[in-house]
PDB file of N, CA and C in Angstrom:
ATOM      1  N   MET A   1     225.900 101.215 200.538  1.00  0.00           N
ATOM      2  CA  MET A   1     225.495 102.260 200.078  1.00  0.00           C
ATOM      3  C   MET A   1     226.683 102.401 198.970  1.00  0.00           C
ATOM      4  N   ASN A   2     226.210 103.202 197.938  1.00  0.00           N
ATOM      5  CA  ASN A   2     227.063 102.816 196.672  1.00  0.00           C
ATOM      6  C   ASN A   2     227.854 104.426 196.816  1.00  0.00           C
ATOM      7  N   GLY A   3     228.566 104.881 195.786  1.00  0.00           N
ATOM      8  CA  GLY A   3     229.262 105.787 195.418  1.00  0.00           C
ATOM      9  C   GLY A   3     228.325 106.975 195.148  1.00  0.00           C
ATOM     10  N   GLY A   4     227.250 107.088 194.879  1.00  0.00           N
ATOM     11  CA  GLY A   4     226.175 107.787 194.255  1.00  0.00           C
ATOM     12  C   GLY A   4     225.346 108.276 195.908  1.00  0.00           C
ATOM     13  N   GLY A   5     225.653 107.419 196.653  1.00  0.00           N
ATOM     14  CA  GLY A   5     225.155 107.785 198.298  1.00  0.00           C
ATOM     15  C   GLY A   5     223.816 107.079 198.195  1.00  0.00           C
ATOM     16  N   HIS A   6     222.807 106.553 197.110  1.00  0.00           N
ATOM     17  CA  HIS A   6     222.084 105.641 197.208  1.00  0.00           C
ATOM     18  C   HIS A   6     221.654 104.387 197.149  1.00  0.00           C
ATOM     19  N   THR A   7     220.571 103.817 197.644  1.00  0.00           N
ATOM     20  CA  THR A   7     220.582 102.253 197.437  1.00  0.00           C
ATOM     21  C   THR A   7     220.083 101.668 195.868  1.00  0.00           C
ATOM     22  N   PRO A   8     221.044 100.975 195.489  1.00  0.00           N
ATOM     23  CA  PRO A   8     220.602 100.586 194.114  1.00  0.00           C
ATOM     24  C   PRO A   8     219.107  99.503 194.064  1.00  0.00           C
ATOM     25  N   VAL A   9     218.423  99.721 192.957  1.00  0.00           N
ATOM     26  CA  VAL A   9     217.505  99.428 192.584  1.00  0.00           C
ATOM     27  C   VAL A   9     217.773  98.261 191.939  1.00  0.00           C
ATOM     28  N   SER A  10     216.589  97.204 192.666  1.00  0.00           N
ATOM     29  CA  SER A  10     216.963  95.538 192.320  1.00  0.00           C
ATOM     30  C   SER A  10     216.138  95.275 191.181  1.00  0.00           C
ATOM     31  N   PRO A  11     217.055  94.793 189.828  1.00  0.00           N
ATOM     32  CA  PRO A  11     216.035  94.522 188.673  1.00  0.00           C
ATOM     33  C   PRO A  11     215.130  94.074 188.725  1.00  0.00           C
ATOM     34  N   PHE A  12     214.103  94.049 189.759  1.00  0.00           N
ATOM     35  CA  PHE A  12     212.815  92.949 190.012  1.00  0.00           C
ATOM     36  C   PHE A  12     212.212  94.247 190.285  1.00  0.00           C
ATOM     37  N   HIS A  13     212.512  95.271 190.628  1.00  0.00           N
ATOM     38  CA  HIS A  13     211.334  96.084 191.672  1.00  0.00           C
ATOM     39  C   HIS A  13     210.693  96.714 190.704  1.00  0.00           C
ATOM     40  N   PRO A  14     209.396  97.055 191.426  1.00  0.00           N
ATOM     41  CA  PRO A  14     208.269  97.150 190.488  1.00  0.00           C
ATOM     42  C   PRO A  14     208.873  98.427 189.519  1.00  0.00           C
ATOM     43  N   ALA A  15     209.380  99.159 189.797  1.00  0.00           N
ATOM     44  CA  ALA A  15     209.813 100.388 188.984  1.00  0.00           C
ATOM     45  C   ALA A  15     210.889 100.335 187.904  1.00  0.00           C
ATOM     46  N   ARG A  16     211.377  98.864 188.093  1.00  0.00           N
ATOM     47  CA  ARG A  16     212.209  98.369 186.652  1.00  0.00           C
ATOM     48  C   ARG A  16     211.630  97.229 185.962  1.00  0.00           C
ATOM     49  N   THR A  17     210.375  96.757 185.926  1.00  0.00           N
ATOM     50  CA  THR A  17     209.676  95.497 186.091  1.00  0.00           C
ATOM     51  C   THR A  17     208.271  96.579 184.890  1.00  0.00           C
ATOM     52  N   MET A  18     208.290  96.325 183.663  1.00  0.00           N
ATOM     53  CA  MET A  18     207.090  96.707 183.573  1.00  0.00           C
ATOM     54  C   MET A  18     206.545  95.780 182.437  1.00  0.00           C
ATOM     55  N   LEU A  19     206.126  94.910 183.272  1.00  0.00           N
ATOM     56  CA  LEU A  19     205.743  93.725 182.699  1.00  0.00           C
ATOM     57  C   LEU A  19     203.939  94.042 182.475  1.00  0.00           C
ATOM     58  N   PRO A  20     203.123  93.335 181.310  1.00  0.00           N
ATOM     59  CA  PRO A  20     201.984  94.056 181.315  1.00  0.00           C
ATOM     60  C   PRO A  20     201.280  93.173 182.468  1.00  0.00           C
ATOM     61  N   SER A  21     199.677  94.373 182.457  1.00  0.00           N
ATOM     62  CA  SER A  21     199.037  94.207 183.683  1.00  0.00           C
ATOM     63  C   SER A  21     198.140  92.409 182.907  1.00  0.00           C
ATOM     64  N   ARG A  22     197.311  91.747 184.040  1.00  0.00           N
ATOM     65  CA  ARG A  22     196.606  91.273 183.041  1.00  0.00           C
ATOM     66  C   ARG A  22     195.815  91.722 182.282  1.00  0.00           C
ATOM     67  N   MET A  23     195.165  92.603 182.692  1.00  0.00           N
ATOM     68  CA  MET A  23     194.205  92.770 181.710  1.00  0.00           C
ATOM     69  C   MET A  23     194.445  93.644 180.355  1.00  0.00           C
ATOM     70  N   ASP A  24     196.127  94.149 180.134  1.00  0.00           N
ATOM     71  CA  ASP A  24     196.963  94.713 179.169  1.00  0.00           C
ATOM     72  C   ASP A  24     196.587  93.075 178.149  1.00  0.00           C
ATOM     73  N   LEU A  25     197.461  91.665 178.732  1.00  0.00           N
ATOM     74  CA  LEU A  25     197.445  90.608 178.103  1.00  0.00           C
ATOM     75  C   LEU A  25     195.895  90.187 177.243  1.00  0.00           C
ATOM     76  N   ILE A  26     194.997  90.412 178.180  1.00  0.00           N
ATOM     77  CA  ILE A  26     193.782  89.579 177.496  1.00  0.00           C
ATOM     78  C   ILE A  26     193.098  90.956 176.682  1.00  0.00           C
ATOM     79  N   ARG A  27     193.575  92.313 177.002  1.00  0.00           N
ATOM     80  CA  ARG A  27     193.015  92.554 176.107  1.00  0.00           C
ATOM     81  C   ARG A  27     193.575  92.727 174.436  1.00  0.00           C
ATOM     82  N   LYS A  28     195.174  92.610 174.784  1.00  0.00           N
ATOM     83  CA  LYS A  28     196.297  92.502 173.528  1.00  0.00           C
ATOM     84  C   LYS A  28     194.833  91.304 172.476  1.00  0.00           C
ATOM     85  N   ALA A  29     194.803  90.456 173.441  1.00  0.00           N
ATOM     86  CA  ALA A  29     194.769  89.023 173.095  1.00  0.00           C
ATOM     87  C   ALA A  29     192.868  89.286 171.814  1.00  0.00           C
ATOM     88  N   VAL A  30     192.179  89.866 172.739  1.00  0.00           N
ATOM     89  CA  VAL A  30     190.817  90.227 172.300  1.00  0.00           C
ATOM     90  C   VAL A  30     190.837  91.345 171.298  1.00  0.00           C
ATOM     91  N   ASP A  31     191.737  92.574 171.273  1.00  0.00           N
ATOM     92  CA  ASP A  31     192.089  92.937 170.283  1.00  0.00           C
ATOM     93  C   ASP A  31     192.421  92.633 168.726  1.00  0.00           C
ATOM     94  N   ALA A  32     193.286  91.377 169.109  1.00  0.00           N
ATOM     95  CA  ALA A  32     193.782  90.585 168.019  1.00  0.00           C
ATOM     96  C   ALA A  32     193.118  89.388 167.436  1.00  0.00           C
ATOM     97  N   ARG A  33     192.124  89.414 168.149  1.00  0.00           N
ATOM     98  CA  ARG A  33     190.777  88.428 167.885  1.00  0.00           C
ATOM     99  C   ARG A  33     190.093  89.237 166.685  1.00  0.00           C
ATOM    100  N   ILE A  34     189.658  90.264 166.945  1.00  0.00           N
ATOM    101  CA  ILE A  34     188.789  91.359 166.564  1.00  0.00           C
ATOM    102  C   ILE A  34     189.375  91.788 165.052  1.00  0.00           C
ATOM    103  N   SER A  35     191.082  91.892 165.425  1.00  0.00           N
ATOM    104  CA  SER A  35     191.668  92.404 164.086  1.00  0.00           C
ATOM    105  C   SER A  35     191.650  90.788 163.194  1.00  0.00           C
ATOM    106  N   SER A  36     191.419  89.815 163.339  1.00  0.00           N
ATOM    107  CA  SER A  36     191.662  88.859 162.668  1.00  0.00           C
ATOM    108  C   SER A  36     190.708  88.570 161.978  1.00  0.00           C
ATOM    109  N   LEU A  37     189.624  88.977 162.535  1.00  0.00           N
ATOM    110  CA  LEU A  37     188.122  88.501 162.340  1.00  0.00           C
ATOM    111  C   LEU A  37     187.964  90.071 161.466  1.00  0.00           C
ATOM    112  N   GLY A  38     188.555  90.267 160.834  1.00  0.00           N
ATOM    113  CA  GLY A  38     188.123  92.083 159.365  1.00  0.00           C
ATOM    114  C   GLY A  38     187.271  92.588 160.584  1.00  0.00           C
ATOM    115  N   LEU A  39     187.176  93.048 161.901  1.00  0.00           N
ATOM    116  CA  LEU A  39     186.417  93.873 162.085  1.00  0.00           C
ATOM    117  C   LEU A  39     186.902  95.490 162.612  1.00  0.00           C
ATOM    118  N   ASP A  40     187.140  96.036 161.801  1.00  0.00           N
ATOM    119  CA  ASP A  40     188.492  97.169 162.000  1.00  0.00           C
ATOM    120  C   ASP A  40     187.121  98.125 162.210  1.00  0.00           C
ATOM    121  N   TRP A  41     185.949  98.235 161.817  1.00  0.00           N
ATOM    122  CA  TRP A  41     184.951  98.894 162.137  1.00  0.00           C
ATOM    123  C   TRP A  41     184.353  98.968 163.755  1.00  0.00           C
ATOM    124  N   VAL A  42     184.931  98.124 164.594  1.00  0.00           N
ATOM    125  CA  VAL A  42     185.092  97.942 166.007  1.00  0.00           C
ATOM    126  C   VAL A  42     185.898  98.313 167.148  1.00  0.00           C
ATOM    127  N   LYS A  43     185.967  99.165 167.693  1.00  0.00           N
ATOM    128  CA  LYS A  43     186.712  99.870 168.562  1.00  0.00           C
ATOM    129  C   LYS A  43     186.374  99.333 169.990  1.00  0.00           C
ATOM    130  N   LEU A  44     187.408  98.259 170.526  1.00  0.00           N
ATOM    131  CA  LEU A  44     187.096  97.811 172.291  1.00  0.00           C
ATOM    132  C   LEU A  44     187.440  99.859 173.089  1.00  0.00           C
ATOM    133  N   GLU A  45     186.392 100.016 173.417  1.00  0.00           N
ATOM    134  CA  GLU A  45     187.092 101.152 174.887  1.00  0.00           C
ATOM    135  C   GLU A  45     187.177 100.938 175.875  1.00  0.00           C
ATOM    136  N   SER A  46     186.448 100.054 176.415  1.00  0.00           N
ATOM    137  CA  SER A  46     186.982  99.322 177.853  1.00  0.00           C
ATOM    138  C   SER A  46     186.365  97.415 177.738  1.00  0.00           C
ATOM    139  N   PHE A  47     187.136  96.966 178.679  1.00  0.00           N
ATOM    140  CA  PHE A  47     187.541  95.574 178.754  1.00  0.00           C
ATOM    141  C   PHE A  47     187.512  95.106 180.217  1.00  0.00           C
ATOM    142  N   HIS A  48     186.654  94.302 180.917  1.00  0.00           N
ATOM    143  CA  HIS A  48     186.731  93.910 182.168  1.00  0.00           C
ATOM    144  C   HIS A  48     186.457  92.311 181.959  1.00  0.00           C
ATOM    145  N   ILE A  49     186.942  91.591 182.617  1.00  0.00           N
ATOM    146  CA  ILE A  49     186.894  90.069 183.426  1.00  0.00           C
ATOM    147  C   ILE A  49     186.405  89.863 184.516  1.00  0.00           C
ATOM    148  N   ARG A  50     185.709  89.764 185.104  1.00  0.00           N
ATOM    149  CA  ARG A  50     185.753  88.764 186.780  1.00  0.00           C
ATOM    150  C   ARG A  50     185.332  87.573 186.808  1.00  0.00           C
ATOM    151  N   SER A  51     186.767  87.320 187.164  1.00  0.00           N
ATOM    152  CA  SER A  51     186.967  85.974 187.332  1.00  0.00           C
ATOM    153  C   SER A  51     186.126  84.639 188.066  1.00  0.00           C
ATOM    154  N   LYS A  52     185.612  85.395 189.657  1.00  0.00           N
ATOM    155  CA  LYS A  52     185.402  85.604 189.954  1.00  0.00           C
ATOM    156  C   LYS A  52     183.552  84.240 189.295  1.00  0.00           C
ATOM    157  N   ASP A  53     183.083  85.300 188.672  1.00  0.00           N
ATOM    158  CA  ASP A  53     181.728  84.883 188.171  1.00  0.00           C
ATOM    159  C   ASP A  53     181.641  84.943 186.696  1.00  0.00           C
ATOM    160  N   LYS A  54     182.647  84.653 186.236  1.00  0.00           N
ATOM    161  CA  LYS A  54     182.782  84.255 184.735  1.00  0.00           C
ATOM    162  C   LYS A  54     182.578  85.072 183.903  1.00  0.00           C
ATOM    163  N   THR A  55     182.190  86.439 184.218  1.00  0.00           N
ATOM    164  CA  THR A  55     181.525  87.422 183.485  1.00  0.00           C
ATOM    165  C   THR A  55     182.848  88.438 182.362  1.00  0.00           C
ATOM    166  N   ILE A  56     182.470  88.812 181.147  1.00  0.00           N
ATOM    167  CA  ILE A  56     183.153  89.896 180.489  1.00  0.00           C
ATOM    168  C   ILE A  56     182.062  91.291 180.378  1.00  0.00           C
ATOM    169  N   SER A  57     182.519  92.259 180.683  1.00  0.00           N
ATOM    170  CA  SER A  57     181.713  93.504 180.354  1.00  0.00           C
ATOM    171  C   SER A  57     182.939  94.066 179.011  1.00  0.00           C
ATOM    172  N   ALA A  58     182.470  94.454 178.049  1.00  0.00           N
ATOM    173  CA  ALA A  58     183.207  95.895 177.151  1.00  0.00           C
ATOM    174  C   ALA A  58     182.368  96.592 176.997  1.00  0.00           C
ATOM    175  N   ASP A  59     182.854  97.852 176.728  1.00  0.00           N
ATOM    176  CA  ASP A  59     182.337  99.141 176.164  1.00  0.00           C
ATOM    177  C   ASP A  59     183.072  98.912 174.731  1.00  0.00           C
ATOM    178  N   VAL A  60     182.159  99.724 173.597  1.00  0.00           N
ATOM    179  CA  VAL A  60     182.626  99.290 172.081  1.00  0.00           C
ATOM    180  C   VAL A  60     181.907 100.624 171.199  1.00  0.00           C
ATOM    181  N   LEU A  61     182.994 100.877 170.319  1.00  0.00           N
ATOM    182  CA  LEU A  61     182.402 101.785 169.800  1.00  0.00           C
ATOM    183  C   LEU A  61     182.250 101.566 168.267  1.00  0.00           C
ATOM    184  N   LEU A  62     181.388 101.878 167.784  1.00  0.00           N
ATOM    185  CA  LEU A  62     180.932 101.024 166.514  1.00  0.00           C
ATOM    186  C   LEU A  62     181.070 102.392 165.039  1.00  0.00           C
ATOM    187  N   GLU A  63     182.066 102.574 164.207  1.00  0.00           N
ATOM    188  CA  GLU A  63     182.304 102.785 162.879  1.00  0.00           C
ATOM    189  C   GLU A  63     180.474 103.496 163.242  1.00  0.00           C
ATOM    190  N   GLY A  64     180.525 104.955 162.696  1.00  0.00           N
ATOM    191  CA  GLY A  64     179.210 105.098 162.366  1.00  0.00           C
ATOM    192  C   GLY A  64     178.466 105.857 163.574  1.00  0.00           C
ATOM    193  N   GLU A  65     178.746 105.193 164.839  1.00  0.00           N
ATOM    194  CA  GLU A  65     178.138 105.376 166.081  1.00  0.00           C
ATOM    195  C   GLU A  65     178.231 106.388 166.727  1.00  0.00           C
ATOM    196  N   THR A  66     177.841 107.506 167.601  1.00  0.00           N
ATOM    197  CA  THR A  66     178.014 108.119 168.340  1.00  0.00           C
ATOM    198  C   THR A  66     178.387 107.443 170.055  1.00  0.00           C
ATOM    199  N   GLU A  67     177.768 106.934 170.435  1.00  0.00           N
ATOM    200  CA  GLU A  67     178.272 106.295 171.556  1.00  0.00           C
ATOM    201  C   GLU A  67     178.003 105.024 171.738  1.00  0.00           C
ATOM    202  N   SER A  68     179.272 104.992 172.721  1.00  0.00           N
ATOM    203  CA  SER A  68     179.700 103.398 172.973  1.00  0.00           C
ATOM    204  C   SER A  68     178.329 102.226 173.190  1.00  0.00           C
ATOM    205  N   ILE A  69     178.653 101.147 172.851  1.00  0.00           N
ATOM    206  CA  ILE A  69     177.574 100.051 173.629  1.00  0.00           C
ATOM    207  C   ILE A  69     178.394  99.780 174.648  1.00  0.00           C
ATOM    208  N   HIS A  70     177.443  99.031 175.191  1.00  0.00           N
ATOM    209  CA  HIS A  70     177.817  98.186 176.755  1.00  0.00           C
ATOM    210  C   HIS A  70     177.470  96.650 175.814  1.00  0.00           C
ATOM    211  N   ILE A  71     178.304  95.915 176.508  1.00  0.00           N
ATOM    212  CA  ILE A  71     178.154  94.140 175.907  1.00  0.00           C
ATOM    213  C   ILE A  71     179.051  93.473 177.584  1.00  0.00           C
ATOM    214  N   GLU A  72     177.471  92.608 177.926  1.00  0.00           N
ATOM    215  CA  GLU A  72     178.029  91.658 179.393  1.00  0.00           C
ATOM    216  C   GLU A  72     177.742  90.531 178.592  1.00  0.00           C
ATOM    217  N   ALA A  73     179.232  89.467 178.959  1.00  0.00           N
ATOM    218  CA  ALA A  73     179.116  87.613 178.376  1.00  0.00           C
ATOM    219  C   ALA A  73     179.353  87.195 179.483  1.00  0.00           C
ATOM    220  N   THR A  74     178.616  85.930 179.655  1.00  0.00           N
ATOM    221  CA  THR A  74     179.119  84.929 180.338  1.00  0.00           C
ATOM    222  C   THR A  74     179.962  83.531 179.569  1.00  0.00           C
ATOM    223  N   TYR A  75     181.185  83.167 180.519  1.00  0.00           N
ATOM    224  CA  TYR A  75     182.308  82.146 179.713  1.00  0.00           C
ATOM    225  C   TYR A  75     182.326  81.251 180.663  1.00  0.00           C
ATOM    226  N   GLU A  76     182.906  80.181 180.049  1.00  0.00           N
ATOM    227  CA  GLU A  76     183.405  79.321 180.929  1.00  0.00           C
ATOM    228  C   GLU A  76     184.822  78.662 180.032  1.00  0.00           C
ATOM    229  N   VAL A  77     185.675  78.453 180.402  1.00  0.00           N
ATOM    230  CA  VAL A  77     187.085  77.829 180.456  1.00  0.00           C
ATOM    231  C   VAL A  77     187.114  76.158 180.466  1.00  0.00           C
ATOM    232  N   ILE A  78     187.328  75.788 179.095  1.00  0.00           N
ATOM    233  CA  ILE A  78     186.987  74.222 178.667  1.00  0.00           C
ATOM    234  C   ILE A  78     188.631  74.090 177.610  1.00  0.00           C
ATOM    235  N   GLY A  79     189.822  73.401 179.034  1.00  0.00           N
ATOM    236  CA  GLY A  79     191.075  73.508 178.115  1.00  0.00           C
ATOM    237  C   GLY A  79     191.459  74.354 177.291  1.00  0.00           C
ATOM    238  N   SER A  80     191.701  74.616 176.013  1.00  0.00           N
ATOM    239  CA  SER A  80     192.192  75.882 175.726  1.00  0.00           C
ATOM    240  C   SER A  80     191.365  76.433 174.568  1.00  0.00           C
ATOM    241  N   ARG A  81     189.966  76.152 175.007  1.00  0.00           N
ATOM    242  CA  ARG A  81     189.074  77.074 174.709  1.00  0.00           C
ATOM    243  C   ARG A  81     188.240  78.004 175.630  1.00  0.00           C
ATOM    244  N   ILE A  82     187.525  79.188 174.974  1.00  0.00           N
ATOM    245  CA  ILE A  82     186.669  79.658 175.964  1.00  0.00           C
ATOM    246  C   ILE A  82     185.557  79.864 175.401  1.00  0.00           C
ATOM    247  N   SER A  83     184.447  79.151 176.011  1.00  0.00           N
ATOM    248  CA  SER A  83     183.178  79.225 175.487  1.00  0.00           C
ATOM    249  C   SER A  83     182.187  80.350 176.136  1.00  0.00           C
ATOM    250  N   VAL A  84     181.362  80.754 175.460  1.00  0.00           N
ATOM    251  CA  VAL A  84     180.447  82.051 175.929  1.00  0.00           C
ATOM    252  C   VAL A  84     179.402  81.556 175.742  1.00  0.00           C
ATOM    253  N   LEU A  85     179.169  81.718 176.895  1.00  0.00           N
ATOM    254  CA  LEU A  85     177.145  81.216 177.081  1.00  0.00           C
ATOM    255  C   LEU A  85     176.282  82.113 177.027  1.00  0.00           C
ATOM    256  N   THR A  86     176.432  83.245 177.326  1.00  0.00           N
ATOM    257  CA  THR A  86     175.658  84.283 176.934  1.00  0.00           C
ATOM    258  C   THR A  86     175.935  85.650 176.675  1.00  0.00           C
ATOM    259  N   VAL A  87     175.171  86.317 176.090  1.00  0.00           N
ATOM    260  CA  VAL A  87     175.461  87.981 175.922  1.00  0.00           C
ATOM    261  C   VAL A  87     174.068  88.645 175.656  1.00  0.00           C
ATOM    262  N   ASP A  88     174.637  89.881 176.373  1.00  0.00           N
ATOM    263  CA  ASP A  88     173.468  90.812 176.672  1.00  0.00           C
ATOM    264  C   ASP A  88     173.903  92.244 175.758  1.00  0.00           C
ATOM    265  N   SER A  89     173.554  92.899 175.863  1.00  0.00           N
ATOM    266  CA  SER A  89     173.639  94.268 175.117  1.00  0.00           C
ATOM    267  C   SER A  89     172.658  95.388 175.077  1.00  0.00           C
ATOM    268  N   SER A  90     173.466  96.808 175.536  1.00  0.00           N
ATOM    269  CA  SER A  90     172.681  97.740 175.577  1.00  0.00           C
ATOM    270  C   SER A  90     171.775  97.986 174.314  1.00  0.00           C
ATOM    271  N   ARG A  91     171.947  97.473 173.195  1.00  0.00           N
ATOM    272  CA  ARG A  91     171.147  97.471 172.125  1.00  0.00           C
ATOM    273  C   ARG A  91     170.706  96.374 171.627  1.00  0.00           C
ATOM    274  N   LYS A  92     169.658  96.152 171.859  1.00  0.00           N
ATOM    275  CA  LYS A  92     168.467  94.606 171.398  1.00  0.00           C
ATOM    276  C   LYS A  92     169.745  94.325 169.631  1.00  0.00           C
ATOM    277  N   TRP A  93     169.814  95.130 168.917  1.00  0.00           N
ATOM    278  CA  TRP A  93     170.073  94.408 167.747  1.00  0.00           C
ATOM    279  C   TRP A  93     171.961  93.986 167.684  1.00  0.00           C
ATOM    280  N   VAL A  94     172.799  94.351 168.918  1.00  0.00           N
ATOM    281  CA  VAL A  94     173.889  94.163 169.006  1.00  0.00           C
ATOM    282  C   VAL A  94     174.084  92.698 169.756  1.00  0.00           C
ATOM    283  N   ALA A  95     173.373  92.637 170.719  1.00  0.00           N
ATOM    284  CA  ALA A  95     172.821  91.037 171.421  1.00  0.00           C
ATOM    285  C   ALA A  95     172.698  90.180 170.245  1.00  0.00           C
ATOM    286  N   GLU A  96     171.575  90.440 169.258  1.00  0.00           N
ATOM    287  CA  GLU A  96     170.856  89.284 168.859  1.00  0.00           C
ATOM    288  C   GLU A  96     172.579  89.042 167.592  1.00  0.00           C
ATOM    289  N   ALA A  97     173.012  89.861 167.361  1.00  0.00           N
ATOM    290  CA  ALA A  97     173.968  89.776 166.181  1.00  0.00           C
ATOM    291  C   ALA A  97     175.556  88.937 166.865  1.00  0.00           C
ATOM    292  N   ALA A  98     175.469  89.252 167.765  1.00  0.00           N
ATOM    293  CA  ALA A  98     176.455  88.566 168.968  1.00  0.00           C
ATOM    294  C   ALA A  98     175.556  87.135 169.273  1.00  0.00           C
ATOM    295  N   ARG A  99     175.013  86.967 169.393  1.00  0.00           N
ATOM    296  CA  ARG A  99     174.930  85.461 169.353  1.00  0.00           C
ATOM    297  C   ARG A  99     174.302  85.151 168.340  1.00  0.00           C
ATOM    298  N   LEU A 100     174.180  85.618 166.999  1.00  0.00           N
ATOM    299  CA  LEU A 100     174.107  84.705 165.741  1.00  0.00           C
ATOM    300  C   LEU A 100     175.244  84.415 165.146  1.00  0.00           C
ATOM    301  N   GLY A 101     175.974  85.425 165.749  1.00  0.00           N
ATOM    302  CA  GLY A 101     177.591  85.513 165.299  1.00  0.00           C
ATOM    303  C   GLY A 101     178.479  84.028 165.915  1.00  0.00           C
ATOM    304  N   LEU A 102     177.670  84.162 166.979  1.00  0.00           N
ATOM    305  CA  LEU A 102     178.545  82.971 168.305  1.00  0.00           C
ATOM    306  C   LEU A 102     177.718  81.778 167.808  1.00  0.00           C
ATOM    307  N   ALA A 103     176.852  81.495 167.907  1.00  0.00           N
ATOM    308  CA  ALA A 103     176.342  80.090 166.913  1.00  0.00           C
ATOM    309  C   ALA A 103     176.621  79.737 165.483  1.00  0.00           C
ATOM    310  N   LYS A 104     176.978  81.050 164.907  1.00  0.00           N
ATOM    311  CA  LYS A 104     177.597  80.008 163.362  1.00  0.00           C
ATOM    312  C   LYS A 104     179.373  79.866 163.578  1.00  0.00           C
ATOM    313  N   ALA A 105     180.226  80.481 164.682  1.00  0.00           N
ATOM    314  CA  ALA A 105     181.450  80.137 165.009  1.00  0.00           C
ATOM    315  C   ALA A 105     181.354  79.032 165.898  1.00  0.00           C
ATOM    316  N   GLY A 106     180.216  78.421 166.340  1.00  0.00           N
ATOM    317  CA  GLY A 106     180.229  77.203 167.314  1.00  0.00           C
ATOM    318  C   GLY A 106     180.189  77.800 169.197  1.00  0.00           C
ATOM    319  N   GLY A 107     180.147  79.006 169.190  1.00  0.00           N
ATOM    320  CA  GLY A 107     180.282  79.526 170.586  1.00  0.00           C
ATOM    321  C   GLY A 107     181.802  79.785 170.915  1.00  0.00           C
ATOM    322  N   SER A 108     182.279  78.910 170.801  1.00  0.00           N
ATOM    323  CA  SER A 108     183.849  78.393 171.526  1.00  0.00           C
ATOM    324  C   SER A 108     185.146  79.508 170.496  1.00  0.00           C
ATOM    325  N   PHE A 109     185.675  79.478 171.098  1.00  0.00           N
ATOM    326  CA  PHE A 109     187.468  80.165 170.423  1.00  0.00           C
ATOM    327  C   PHE A 109     188.519  79.410 171.102  1.00  0.00           C
ATOM    328  N   GLU A 110     189.436  79.488 170.407  1.00  0.00           N
ATOM    329  CA  GLU A 110     190.666  78.907 170.951  1.00  0.00           C
ATOM    330  C   GLU A 110     191.620  80.404 171.665  1.00  0.00           C
ATOM    331  N   LEU A 111     191.995  79.882 172.869  1.00  0.00           N
ATOM    332  CA  LEU A 111     192.754  80.960 173.423  1.00  0.00           C
ATOM    333  C   LEU A 111     194.250  81.095 172.799  1.00  0.00           C
ATOM    334  N   PRO A 112     194.401  82.079 172.410  1.00  0.00           N
ATOM    335  CA  PRO A 112     196.032  82.405 172.139  1.00  0.00           C
ATOM    336  C   PRO A 112     197.475  80.943 172.813  1.00  0.00           C
ATOM    337  N   SER A 113     197.877  80.633 171.963  1.00  0.00           N
ATOM    338  CA  SER A 113     199.198  79.878 172.321  1.00  0.00           C
ATOM    339  C   SER A 113     200.158  80.834 173.014  1.00  0.00           C
ATOM    340  N   GLY A 114     201.043  79.951 173.072  1.00  0.00           N
ATOM    341  CA  GLY A 114     202.465  80.612 174.025  1.00  0.00           C
ATOM    342  C   GLY A 114     202.081  81.192 175.449  1.00  0.00           C
ATOM    343  N   ILE A 115     203.403  81.945 175.324  1.00  0.00           N
ATOM    344  CA  ILE A 115     203.222  82.456 176.731  1.00  0.00           C
ATOM    345  C   ILE A 115     201.858  83.493 177.490  1.00  0.00           C
ATOM    346  N   THR A 116     201.586  84.179 176.285  1.00  0.00           N
ATOM    347  CA  THR A 116     200.703  84.435 176.253  1.00  0.00           C
ATOM    348  C   THR A 116     199.026  83.926 176.885  1.00  0.00           C
ATOM    349  N   GLY A 117     199.057  82.906 175.877  1.00  0.00           N
ATOM    350  CA  GLY A 117     197.933  82.039 176.089  1.00  0.00           C
ATOM    351  C   GLY A 117     198.221  81.862 177.385  1.00  0.00           C
ATOM    352  N   ILE A 118     199.212  81.221 178.166  1.00  0.00           N
ATOM    353  CA  ILE A 118     198.971  80.533 179.212  1.00  0.00           C
ATOM    354  C   ILE A 118     199.077  81.440 180.283  1.00  0.00           C
ATOM    355  N   LEU A 119     199.301  82.766 180.325  1.00  0.00           N
ATOM    356  CA  LEU A 119     199.094  83.976 181.489  1.00  0.00           C
ATOM    357  C   LEU A 119     197.291  83.905 180.870  1.00  0.00           C
ATOM    358  N   VAL A 120     197.057  84.336 179.844  1.00  0.00           N
ATOM    359  CA  VAL A 120     195.878  84.369 179.548  1.00  0.00           C
ATOM    360  C   VAL A 120     194.705  83.421 180.180  1.00  0.00           C
ATOM    361  N   ARG A 121     195.128  81.889 180.399  1.00  0.00           N
ATOM    362  CA  ARG A 121     194.124  81.361 181.228  1.00  0.00           C
ATOM    363  C   ARG A 121     194.235  81.094 182.541  1.00  0.00           C
ATOM    364  N   LEU A 122     195.531  81.687 182.826  1.00  0.00           N
ATOM    365  CA  LEU A 122     195.350  81.726 184.796  1.00  0.00           C
ATOM    366  C   LEU A 122     194.763  82.752 185.083  1.00  0.00           C
ATOM    367  N   PHE A 123     194.310  83.856 184.327  1.00  0.00           N
ATOM    368  CA  PHE A 123     193.399  84.964 184.617  1.00  0.00           C
ATOM    369  C   PHE A 123     192.024  84.909 184.133  1.00  0.00           C
ATOM    370  N   LEU A 124     191.885  83.601 183.902  1.00  0.00           N
ATOM    371  CA  LEU A 124     190.247  83.832 183.142  1.00  0.00           C
ATOM    372  C   LEU A 124     189.625  83.078 184.242  1.00  0.00           C
TER     373      LEU A 124
END
C-alpha cells in the first residue's frame, strides 16, 4: 500500500488506457474516405464489420431524407486493398448507385497507411 491507502493503478489498466476500439478505428477510416470523396451529404449512423463472413453493414442518412438507409456489402482484402464484391440496400436506387460508383472506381480501395492501416487490416 502507498500513503493514500489504495493500490496504485497500472498505466496499462483499462481505466488508464483509452485505446480506440476496432470499430472506432475502422469507422474513422470510413468517415475519412466519405469526406475525401466530397460526400458531405452522407452521414454514417452505424457501421459494423463481421470479419468472419466478410460482410459490412451500415446505416446512412442522406441529406434531405427523413429515414436511414441500410446497406449491406461483402468484401475481400487483398494486400493493402479492400475490394467490395456485392452491395445491397434497403432502397434499390442506392444499391444501383453504389454498384455503378464501385464499377467506376474499379471496385477496390487502398486501405489507410501507417498504424491505422495496420490495425484496420488486422480487424478485416
